[in-house]
Amino acid sequence: MSPRNFVIGDVHGCIDEMRALWEAMSPTRDDVIVSAGDLVDKGPDSPGVVKFFREKQEAGFNVVLVRGNHDEKHERVRARIARGDDPSGIKGSMAIKAITDALSPEDVAFLDRAVLYHAIPEHGSIVVHAGIPPAYERFPTEAERASVSRVKRDQFDQVLRVRHVNMKTGLPIPMGEESPSDPFWATVYTGKFGHVYFGHEPFTKAAEPVRFPHATALDLGCVFGGRMAAAVLEVGCDVRFVSVAAHTKYSTHFSE
């Protein structure tokens, strides 16, 4: 029997719900468990969530962490601290530093192994954190992403942050600058990279992941009192979803 692929939406420090979702999924060590990113921030126990995933990986589960925009922000803060630079120019850096201080070296090493995307070729699918804007041309290797200029890296990292897009340029529109005529990226995505499973945009009123023609949204806003969800991809079967309700509303702050 082919292994199943579980793709989990944003966790944001919601450790109790993550434990409940894992139990509901009941993965085996033959399966692949993919986080669509944003393990950290906003919720009650970011270090606990990182430790949970890291320990599952060390216990032999095939865990893949796709980098989220919050995970990437933590990378930048850790890099500045490691260089001896002041990280205060990065929004939220003090809260990020507090989370970092609560992580073990093994936890940090786990986070540092995050990838920009994860392909699931047997299902014609790809996992990214936020989405794929129309002008996006290709995905880099992690080595290439690490070696290019910051400007070029930001171009690659559009898949961490995109929501609405400018249809004339094919580029993402910064959050808060979109107009009513600017579409959400998934409504115009052509499927050129395969079916996309993504998080980032919290669909807090949805009872299950939201389907678009060539994409599926997995962030149901657990940290905002919604649900935590995962897609289950199994060869020969229709995709199905597993989700658990948030125990409470942990955050009301919706921002990047």
C-alpha atoms as a PDB file:
ATOM      1  CA  MET A   1       0.000   0.000   0.000  1.00  0.00           C
ATOM      2  CA  SER A   2       1.331   3.446  -0.917  1.00  0.00           C
ATOM      3  CA  PRO A   3       2.083   5.806   1.954  1.00  0.00           C
ATOM      4  CA  ARG A   4      -0.423   8.508   2.720  1.00  0.00           C
ATOM      5  CA  ASN A   5       0.475  12.198   2.641  1.00  0.00           C
ATOM      6  CA  PHE A   6      -0.920  14.408   5.392  1.00  0.00           C
ATOM      7  CA  VAL A   7      -0.688  18.171   4.779  1.00  0.00           C
ATOM      8  CA  ILE A   8      -1.329  20.282   7.876  1.00  0.00           C
ATOM      9  CA  GLY A   9      -2.396  23.938   7.863  1.00  0.00           C
ATOM     10  CA  ASP A  10      -1.056  26.694  10.115  1.00  0.00           C
ATOM     11  CA  VAL A  11      -0.457  25.642  13.727  1.00  0.00           C
ATOM     12  CA  HIS A  12       0.709  28.947  15.281  1.00  0.00           C
ATOM     13  CA  GLY A  13       1.641  27.567  18.671  1.00  0.00           C
ATOM     14  CA  CYS A  14      -1.661  25.731  19.278  1.00  0.00           C
ATOM     15  CA  ILE A  15      -0.105  22.670  20.868  1.00  0.00           C
ATOM     16  CA  ASP A  16      -3.232  21.072  22.351  1.00  0.00           C
ATOM     17  CA  GLU A  17      -5.049  21.203  19.028  1.00  0.00           C
ATOM     18  CA  MET A  18      -1.967  19.867  17.240  1.00  0.00           C
ATOM     19  CA  ARG A  19      -1.853  16.873  19.548  1.00  0.00           C
ATOM     20  CA  ALA A  20      -5.567  16.277  18.945  1.00  0.00           C
ATOM     21  CA  LEU A  21      -5.165  16.567  15.182  1.00  0.00           C
ATOM     22  CA  TRP A  22      -2.267  14.103  15.201  1.00  0.00           C
ATOM     23  CA  GLU A  23      -4.404  11.623  17.098  1.00  0.00           C
ATOM     24  CA  ALA A  24      -7.272  12.130  14.636  1.00  0.00           C
ATOM     25  CA  MET A  25      -4.914  11.597  11.675  1.00  0.00           C
ATOM     26  CA  SER A  26      -3.299   8.497  13.192  1.00  0.00           C
ATOM     27  CA  PRO A  27      -0.279   8.563  10.858  1.00  0.00           C
ATOM     28  CA  THR A  28       2.158   5.690  10.645  1.00  0.00           C
ATOM     29  CA  ARG A  29       5.897   5.824  10.072  1.00  0.00           C
ATOM     30  CA  ASP A  30       5.255   4.873   6.446  1.00  0.00           C
ATOM     31  CA  ASP A  31       3.270   8.071   5.859  1.00  0.00           C
ATOM     32  CA  VAL A  32       4.557  11.560   5.035  1.00  0.00           C
ATOM     33  CA  ILE A  33       3.457  14.387   7.325  1.00  0.00           C
ATOM     34  CA  VAL A  34       3.905  17.847   5.814  1.00  0.00           C
ATOM     35  CA  SER A  35       3.445  21.090   7.711  1.00  0.00           C
ATOM     36  CA  ALA A  36       2.442  23.921   5.372  1.00  0.00           C
ATOM     37  CA  GLY A  37       4.322  26.300   7.650  1.00  0.00           C
ATOM     38  CA  ASP A  38       3.858  28.786  10.484  1.00  0.00           C
ATOM     39  CA  LEU A  39       4.385  26.496  13.430  1.00  0.00           C
ATOM     40  CA  VAL A  40       5.142  29.550  15.556  1.00  0.00           C
ATOM     41  CA  ASP A  41       3.772  32.894  16.823  1.00  0.00           C
ATOM     42  CA  LYS A  42       0.369  34.154  18.001  1.00  0.00           C
ATOM     43  CA  GLY A  43      -0.635  30.994  19.897  1.00  0.00           C
ATOM     44  CA  PRO A  44       0.054  29.790  23.445  1.00  0.00           C
ATOM     45  CA  ASP A  45       3.057  27.471  23.037  1.00  0.00           C
ATOM     46  CA  SER A  46       5.268  27.919  19.983  1.00  0.00           C
ATOM     47  CA  PRO A  47       8.281  26.144  21.550  1.00  0.00           C
ATOM     48  CA  GLY A  48       6.031  23.197  22.442  1.00  0.00           C
ATOM     49  CA  VAL A  49       4.810  22.897  18.856  1.00  0.00           C
ATOM     50  CA  VAL A  50       8.351  22.930  17.463  1.00  0.00           C
ATOM     51  CA  LYS A  51       9.414  20.309  19.999  1.00  0.00           C
ATOM     52  CA  PHE A  52       6.358  18.186  19.138  1.00  0.00           C
ATOM     53  CA  PHE A  53       7.211  18.047  15.429  1.00  0.00           C
ATOM     54  CA  ARG A  54      10.925  17.597  16.062  1.00  0.00           C
ATOM     55  CA  GLU A  55      10.333  14.704  18.441  1.00  0.00           C
ATOM     56  CA  LYS A  56       7.965  13.051  15.958  1.00  0.00           C
ATOM     57  CA  GLN A  57      10.690  13.272  13.331  1.00  0.00           C
ATOM     58  CA  GLU A  58      13.274  11.860  15.722  1.00  0.00           C
ATOM     59  CA  ALA A  59      10.850   9.031  16.561  1.00  0.00           C
ATOM     60  CA  GLY A  60      10.948   7.945  12.927  1.00  0.00           C
ATOM     61  CA  PHE A  61       7.981   9.764  11.426  1.00  0.00           C
ATOM     62  CA  ASN A  62       8.591  11.268   7.984  1.00  0.00           C
ATOM     63  CA  VAL A  63       8.001  14.923   8.872  1.00  0.00           C
ATOM     64  CA  VAL A  64       8.548  17.719   6.332  1.00  0.00           C
ATOM     65  CA  LEU A  65       8.427  21.380   7.380  1.00  0.00           C
ATOM     66  CA  VAL A  66       7.557  23.841   4.633  1.00  0.00           C
ATOM     67  CA  ARG A  67       8.745  27.317   5.552  1.00  0.00           C
ATOM     68  CA  GLY A  68       6.058  29.844   6.489  1.00  0.00           C
ATOM     69  CA  ASN A  69       6.420  33.603   6.598  1.00  0.00           C
ATOM     70  CA  HIS A  70       6.570  33.491  10.403  1.00  0.00           C
ATOM     71  CA  ASP A  71       9.142  30.705  10.302  1.00  0.00           C
ATOM     72  CA  GLU A  72      11.199  32.796   7.854  1.00  0.00           C
ATOM     73  CA  LYS A  73      10.981  35.837  10.134  1.00  0.00           C
ATOM     74  CA  HIS A  74      12.347  33.723  12.971  1.00  0.00           C
ATOM     75  CA  GLU A  75      15.209  32.645  10.690  1.00  0.00           C
ATOM     76  CA  ARG A  76      16.119  36.283  10.095  1.00  0.00           C
ATOM     77  CA  VAL A  77      16.038  37.158  13.781  1.00  0.00           C
ATOM     78  CA  ARG A  78      18.182  34.129  14.677  1.00  0.00           C
ATOM     79  CA  ALA A  79      20.657  35.051  11.941  1.00  0.00           C
ATOM     80  CA  ARG A  80      20.998  38.612  13.258  1.00  0.00           C
ATOM     81  CA  ILE A  81      21.501  37.411  16.813  1.00  0.00           C
ATOM     82  CA  ALA A  82      24.104  34.880  15.657  1.00  0.00           C
ATOM     83  CA  ARG A  83      26.022  37.693  13.914  1.00  0.00           C
ATOM     84  CA  GLY A  84      25.853  39.831  17.020  1.00  0.00           C
ATOM     85  CA  ASP A  85      23.551  42.327  15.288  1.00  0.00           C
ATOM     86  CA  ASP A  86      20.546  44.088  16.782  1.00  0.00           C
ATOM     87  CA  PRO A  87      17.350  42.343  15.582  1.00  0.00           C
ATOM     88  CA  SER A  88      15.007  45.137  16.711  1.00  0.00           C
ATOM     89  CA  GLY A  89      14.496  46.337  13.139  1.00  0.00           C
ATOM     90  CA  ILE A  90      12.395  43.230  12.496  1.00  0.00           C
ATOM     91  CA  LYS A  91       8.805  43.622  13.689  1.00  0.00           C
ATOM     92  CA  GLY A  92       8.096  41.457  16.715  1.00  0.00           C
ATOM     93  CA  SER A  93      11.745  40.617  17.245  1.00  0.00           C
ATOM     94  CA  MET A  94      11.560  40.661  21.048  1.00  0.00           C
ATOM     95  CA  ALA A  95       8.706  38.129  21.096  1.00  0.00           C
ATOM     96  CA  ILE A  96      10.601  36.050  18.546  1.00  0.00           C
ATOM     97  CA  LYS A  97      13.748  36.176  20.677  1.00  0.00           C
ATOM     98  CA  ALA A  98      11.750  34.967  23.682  1.00  0.00           C
ATOM     99  CA  ILE A  99      10.528  31.972  21.680  1.00  0.00           C
ATOM    100  CA  THR A 100      14.050  31.327  20.398  1.00  0.00           C
ATOM    101  CA  ASP A 101      15.422  31.385  23.945  1.00  0.00           C
ATOM    102  CA  ALA A 102      12.938  28.650  24.868  1.00  0.00           C
ATOM    103  CA  LEU A 103      14.045  26.374  22.015  1.00  0.00           C
ATOM    104  CA  SER A 104      16.711  23.724  22.355  1.00  0.00           C
ATOM    105  CA  PRO A 105      19.591  23.566  19.844  1.00  0.00           C
ATOM    106  CA  GLU A 106      17.851  20.501  18.394  1.00  0.00           C
ATOM    107  CA  ASP A 107      14.641  22.505  17.928  1.00  0.00           C
ATOM    108  CA  VAL A 108      16.505  25.268  16.099  1.00  0.00           C
ATOM    109  CA  ALA A 109      18.256  22.741  13.874  1.00  0.00           C
ATOM    110  CA  PHE A 110      14.852  21.261  13.020  1.00  0.00           C
ATOM    111  CA  LEU A 111      13.480  24.685  12.052  1.00  0.00           C
ATOM    112  CA  ASP A 112      16.570  25.371   9.968  1.00  0.00           C
ATOM    113  CA  ARG A 113      15.768  22.322   7.834  1.00  0.00           C
ATOM    114  CA  ALA A 114      12.516  23.921   6.571  1.00  0.00           C
ATOM    115  CA  VAL A 115      12.055  23.994   2.800  1.00  0.00           C
ATOM    116  CA  LEU A 116      10.410  26.528   0.502  1.00  0.00           C
ATOM    117  CA  TYR A 117       8.087  23.948  -1.033  1.00  0.00           C
ATOM    118  CA  HIS A 118       7.368  20.240  -1.045  1.00  0.00           C
ATOM    119  CA  ALA A 119       6.266  18.356  -4.156  1.00  0.00           C
ATOM    120  CA  ILE A 120       3.966  15.329  -4.013  1.00  0.00           C
ATOM    121  CA  PRO A 121       4.328  14.052  -7.594  1.00  0.00           C
ATOM    122  CA  GLU A 122       2.138  10.975  -7.178  1.00  0.00           C
ATOM    123  CA  HIS A 123      -0.776  13.342  -6.539  1.00  0.00           C
ATOM    124  CA  GLY A 124       0.276  16.065  -8.998  1.00  0.00           C
ATOM    125  CA  SER A 125       0.494  18.421  -6.046  1.00  0.00           C
ATOM    126  CA  ILE A 126       2.792  20.875  -4.348  1.00  0.00           C
ATOM    127  CA  VAL A 127       2.758  22.365  -0.847  1.00  0.00           C
ATOM    128  CA  VAL A 128       3.704  25.996  -0.261  1.00  0.00           C
ATOM    129  CA  HIS A 129       2.885  28.238   2.645  1.00  0.00           C
ATOM    130  CA  ALA A 130       0.928  31.070   1.057  1.00  0.00           C
ATOM    131  CA  GLY A 131       0.474  30.536  -2.676  1.00  0.00           C
ATOM    132  CA  ILE A 132       1.913  31.105  -6.129  1.00  0.00           C
ATOM    133  CA  PRO A 133       1.511  34.468  -7.901  1.00  0.00           C
ATOM    134  CA  PRO A 134       0.956  34.436 -11.683  1.00  0.00           C
ATOM    135  CA  ALA A 135       4.434  35.796 -12.509  1.00  0.00           C
ATOM    136  CA  TYR A 136       6.261  33.160 -10.460  1.00  0.00           C
ATOM    137  CA  GLU A 137       8.524  31.275 -12.853  1.00  0.00           C
ATOM    138  CA  ARG A 138      10.295  28.525 -10.928  1.00  0.00           C
ATOM    139  CA  PHE A 139      11.215  27.180  -7.525  1.00  0.00           C
ATOM    140  CA  PRO A 140      14.861  27.327  -6.428  1.00  0.00           C
ATOM    141  CA  THR A 141      16.782  24.655  -4.603  1.00  0.00           C
ATOM    142  CA  GLU A 142      17.474  25.456  -0.959  1.00  0.00           C
ATOM    143  CA  ALA A 143      21.173  25.887  -1.808  1.00  0.00           C
ATOM    144  CA  GLU A 144      20.326  28.395  -4.525  1.00  0.00           C
ATOM    145  CA  ARG A 145      17.925  30.286  -2.257  1.00  0.00           C
ATOM    146  CA  ALA A 146      20.645  30.560   0.387  1.00  0.00           C
ATOM    147  CA  SER A 147      23.267  31.825  -2.050  1.00  0.00           C
ATOM    148  CA  VAL A 148      21.419  34.568  -3.953  1.00  0.00           C
ATOM    149  CA  SER A 149      21.061  38.244  -3.111  1.00  0.00           C
ATOM    150  CA  ARG A 150      18.359  39.379  -0.683  1.00  0.00           C
ATOM    151  CA  VAL A 151      16.399  40.908  -3.584  1.00  0.00           C
ATOM    152  CA  LYS A 152      16.394  37.630  -5.500  1.00  0.00           C
ATOM    153  CA  ARG A 153      15.549  35.678  -2.356  1.00  0.00           C
ATOM    154  CA  ASP A 154      12.564  37.957  -1.769  1.00  0.00           C
ATOM    155  CA  GLN A 155      11.378  37.118  -5.281  1.00  0.00           C
ATOM    156  CA  PHE A 156      11.610  33.411  -4.538  1.00  0.00           C
ATOM    157  CA  ASP A 157       9.936  33.968  -1.162  1.00  0.00           C
ATOM    158  CA  GLN A 158       6.784  35.486  -2.677  1.00  0.00           C
ATOM    159  CA  VAL A 159       5.259  32.045  -2.087  1.00  0.00           C
ATOM    160  CA  LEU A 160       5.551  32.717   1.665  1.00  0.00           C
ATOM    161  CA  ARG A 161       3.397  35.850   1.675  1.00  0.00           C
ATOM    162  CA  VAL A 162       1.169  36.239  -1.390  1.00  0.00           C
ATOM    163  CA  ARG A 163      -2.537  36.849  -0.932  1.00  0.00           C
ATOM    164  CA  HIS A 164      -3.915  39.226  -3.543  1.00  0.00           C
ATOM    165  CA  VAL A 165      -2.227  39.761  -6.897  1.00  0.00           C
ATOM    166  CA  ASN A 166      -1.937  42.478  -9.524  1.00  0.00           C
ATOM    167  CA  MET A 167      -3.139  40.890 -12.750  1.00  0.00           C
ATOM    168  CA  LYS A 168      -1.207  43.383 -14.898  1.00  0.00           C
ATOM    169  CA  THR A 169       2.162  42.506 -13.357  1.00  0.00           C
ATOM    170  CA  GLY A 170       1.380  39.049 -12.007  1.00  0.00           C
ATOM    171  CA  LEU A 171       3.006  40.080  -8.715  1.00  0.00           C
ATOM    172  CA  PRO A 172       1.733  39.988  -5.124  1.00  0.00           C
ATOM    173  CA  ILE A 173       0.159  43.100  -3.635  1.00  0.00           C
ATOM    174  CA  PRO A 174       1.379  44.003  -0.133  1.00  0.00           C
ATOM    175  CA  MET A 175      -1.134  43.208   2.571  1.00  0.00           C
ATOM    176  CA  GLY A 176      -3.558  46.094   3.088  1.00  0.00           C
ATOM    177  CA  GLU A 177      -2.836  47.707  -0.280  1.00  0.00           C
ATOM    178  CA  GLU A 178      -5.180  45.528  -2.337  1.00  0.00           C
ATOM    179  CA  SER A 179      -8.300  46.939  -4.001  1.00  0.00           C
ATOM    180  CA  PRO A 180     -11.655  45.163  -4.429  1.00  0.00           C
ATOM    181  CA  SER A 181     -10.686  44.356  -8.020  1.00  0.00           C
ATOM    182  CA  ASP A 182      -7.446  42.585  -7.078  1.00  0.00           C
ATOM    183  CA  PRO A 183      -8.103  38.822  -6.959  1.00  0.00           C
ATOM    184  CA  PHE A 184      -7.014  36.361  -4.329  1.00  0.00           C
ATOM    185  CA  TRP A 185      -4.189  34.407  -5.953  1.00  0.00           C
ATOM    186  CA  ALA A 186      -5.936  31.003  -5.824  1.00  0.00           C
ATOM    187  CA  THR A 187      -8.913  32.242  -7.845  1.00  0.00           C
ATOM    188  CA  VAL A 188      -6.666  32.930 -10.860  1.00  0.00           C
ATOM    189  CA  TYR A 189      -3.988  30.259 -10.423  1.00  0.00           C
ATOM    190  CA  THR A 190      -3.808  28.124 -13.575  1.00  0.00           C
ATOM    191  CA  GLY A 191      -2.406  24.966 -12.024  1.00  0.00           C
ATOM    192  CA  LYS A 192       0.927  25.285 -13.826  1.00  0.00           C
ATOM    193  CA  PHE A 193       2.836  23.807 -10.856  1.00  0.00           C
ATOM    194  CA  GLY A 194       0.142  21.271  -9.987  1.00  0.00           C
ATOM    195  CA  HIS A 195      -2.561  21.402  -7.346  1.00  0.00           C
ATOM    196  CA  VAL A 196      -1.413  23.624  -4.486  1.00  0.00           C
ATOM    197  CA  TYR A 197      -2.059  22.903  -0.816  1.00  0.00           C
ATOM    198  CA  PHE A 198      -1.444  26.042   1.218  1.00  0.00           C
ATOM    199  CA  GLY A 199      -2.031  27.856   4.503  1.00  0.00           C
ATOM    200  CA  HIS A 200      -1.387  31.504   5.429  1.00  0.00           C
ATOM    201  CA  GLU A 201      -4.864  32.922   4.726  1.00  0.00           C
ATOM    202  CA  PRO A 202      -7.139  32.035   7.662  1.00  0.00           C
ATOM    203  CA  PHE A 203     -10.602  30.973   6.518  1.00  0.00           C
ATOM    204  CA  THR A 204     -12.001  31.178  10.032  1.00  0.00           C
ATOM    205  CA  LYS A 205     -15.651  30.646   9.086  1.00  0.00           C
ATOM    206  CA  ALA A 206     -15.049  27.513   7.000  1.00  0.00           C
ATOM    207  CA  ALA A 207     -15.978  24.108   8.408  1.00  0.00           C
ATOM    208  CA  GLU A 208     -13.415  22.342   6.225  1.00  0.00           C
ATOM    209  CA  PRO A 209     -10.549  23.319   3.882  1.00  0.00           C
ATOM    210  CA  VAL A 210     -11.601  25.619   1.063  1.00  0.00           C
ATOM    211  CA  ARG A 211     -11.269  24.321  -2.476  1.00  0.00           C
ATOM    212  CA  PHE A 212     -10.329  26.426  -5.477  1.00  0.00           C
ATOM    213  CA  PRO A 213     -10.007  25.112  -9.058  1.00  0.00           C
ATOM    214  CA  HIS A 214      -6.308  24.252  -8.638  1.00  0.00           C
ATOM    215  CA  ALA A 215      -5.628  24.842  -4.943  1.00  0.00           C
ATOM    216  CA  THR A 216      -6.862  23.962  -1.463  1.00  0.00           C
ATOM    217  CA  ALA A 217      -6.663  26.293   1.548  1.00  0.00           C
ATOM    218  CA  LEU A 218      -5.845  24.492   4.809  1.00  0.00           C
ATOM    219  CA  ASP A 219      -5.650  27.349   7.325  1.00  0.00           C
ATOM    220  CA  LEU A 220      -8.997  27.457   9.118  1.00  0.00           C
ATOM    221  CA  GLY A 221      -7.733  29.953  11.699  1.00  0.00           C
ATOM    222  CA  CYS A 222      -7.261  27.707  14.721  1.00  0.00           C
ATOM    223  CA  VAL A 223      -5.363  30.421  16.572  1.00  0.00           C
ATOM    224  CA  PHE A 224      -8.335  32.758  15.995  1.00  0.00           C
ATOM    225  CA  GLY A 225     -10.793  30.263  17.443  1.00  0.00           C
ATOM    226  CA  GLY A 226     -11.501  28.332  14.225  1.00  0.00           C
ATOM    227  CA  ARG A 227     -10.218  24.853  13.393  1.00  0.00           C
ATOM    228  CA  MET A 228      -6.929  23.101  12.662  1.00  0.00           C
ATOM    229  CA  ALA A 229      -7.060  20.989   9.514  1.00  0.00           C
ATOM    230  CA  ALA A 230      -5.100  18.524   7.429  1.00  0.00           C
ATOM    231  CA  ALA A 231      -5.610  17.107   3.951  1.00  0.00           C
ATOM    232  CA  VAL A 232      -5.143  13.360   3.536  1.00  0.00           C
ATOM    233  CA  LEU A 233      -3.822  12.295   0.131  1.00  0.00           C
ATOM    234  CA  GLU A 234      -3.921   8.588  -0.619  1.00  0.00           C
ATOM    235  CA  VAL A 235      -3.251   6.939  -3.986  1.00  0.00           C
ATOM    236  CA  GLY A 236      -6.474   5.687  -5.559  1.00  0.00           C
ATOM    237  CA  CYS A 237      -8.694   7.695  -3.186  1.00  0.00           C
ATOM    238  CA  ASP A 238     -10.307  11.107  -3.243  1.00  0.00           C
ATOM    239  CA  VAL A 239      -8.670  13.660  -0.996  1.00  0.00           C
ATOM    240  CA  ARG A 240     -10.267  13.837   2.426  1.00  0.00           C
ATOM    241  CA  PHE A 241      -9.874  16.179   5.355  1.00  0.00           C
ATOM    242  CA  VAL A 242      -9.378  15.838   9.088  1.00  0.00           C
ATOM    243  CA  SER A 243      -9.885  18.748  11.468  1.00  0.00           C
ATOM    244  CA  VAL A 244     -10.304  19.612  15.130  1.00  0.00           C
ATOM    245  CA  ALA A 245     -11.911  22.640  16.756  1.00  0.00           C
ATOM    246  CA  ALA A 246      -9.845  25.227  18.602  1.00  0.00           C
ATOM    247  CA  HIS A 247     -10.212  25.070  22.361  1.00  0.00           C
ATOM    248  CA  THR A 248     -10.488  28.849  22.540  1.00  0.00           C
ATOM    249  CA  LYS A 249      -9.584  32.024  20.657  1.00  0.00           C
ATOM    250  CA  TYR A 250      -5.887  32.652  21.343  1.00  0.00           C
ATOM    251  CA  SER A 251      -5.342  35.733  19.199  1.00  0.00           C
ATOM    252  CA  THR A 252      -7.310  38.526  17.596  1.00  0.00           C
ATOM    253  CA  HIS A 253      -4.280  40.060  15.881  1.00  0.00           C
ATOM    254  CA  PHE A 254      -4.371  39.372  12.164  1.00  0.00           C
ATOM    255  CA  SER A 255      -1.208  40.575  10.449  1.00  0.00           C
ATOM    256  CA  GLU A 256       1.826  39.254   8.609  1.00  0.00           C
END
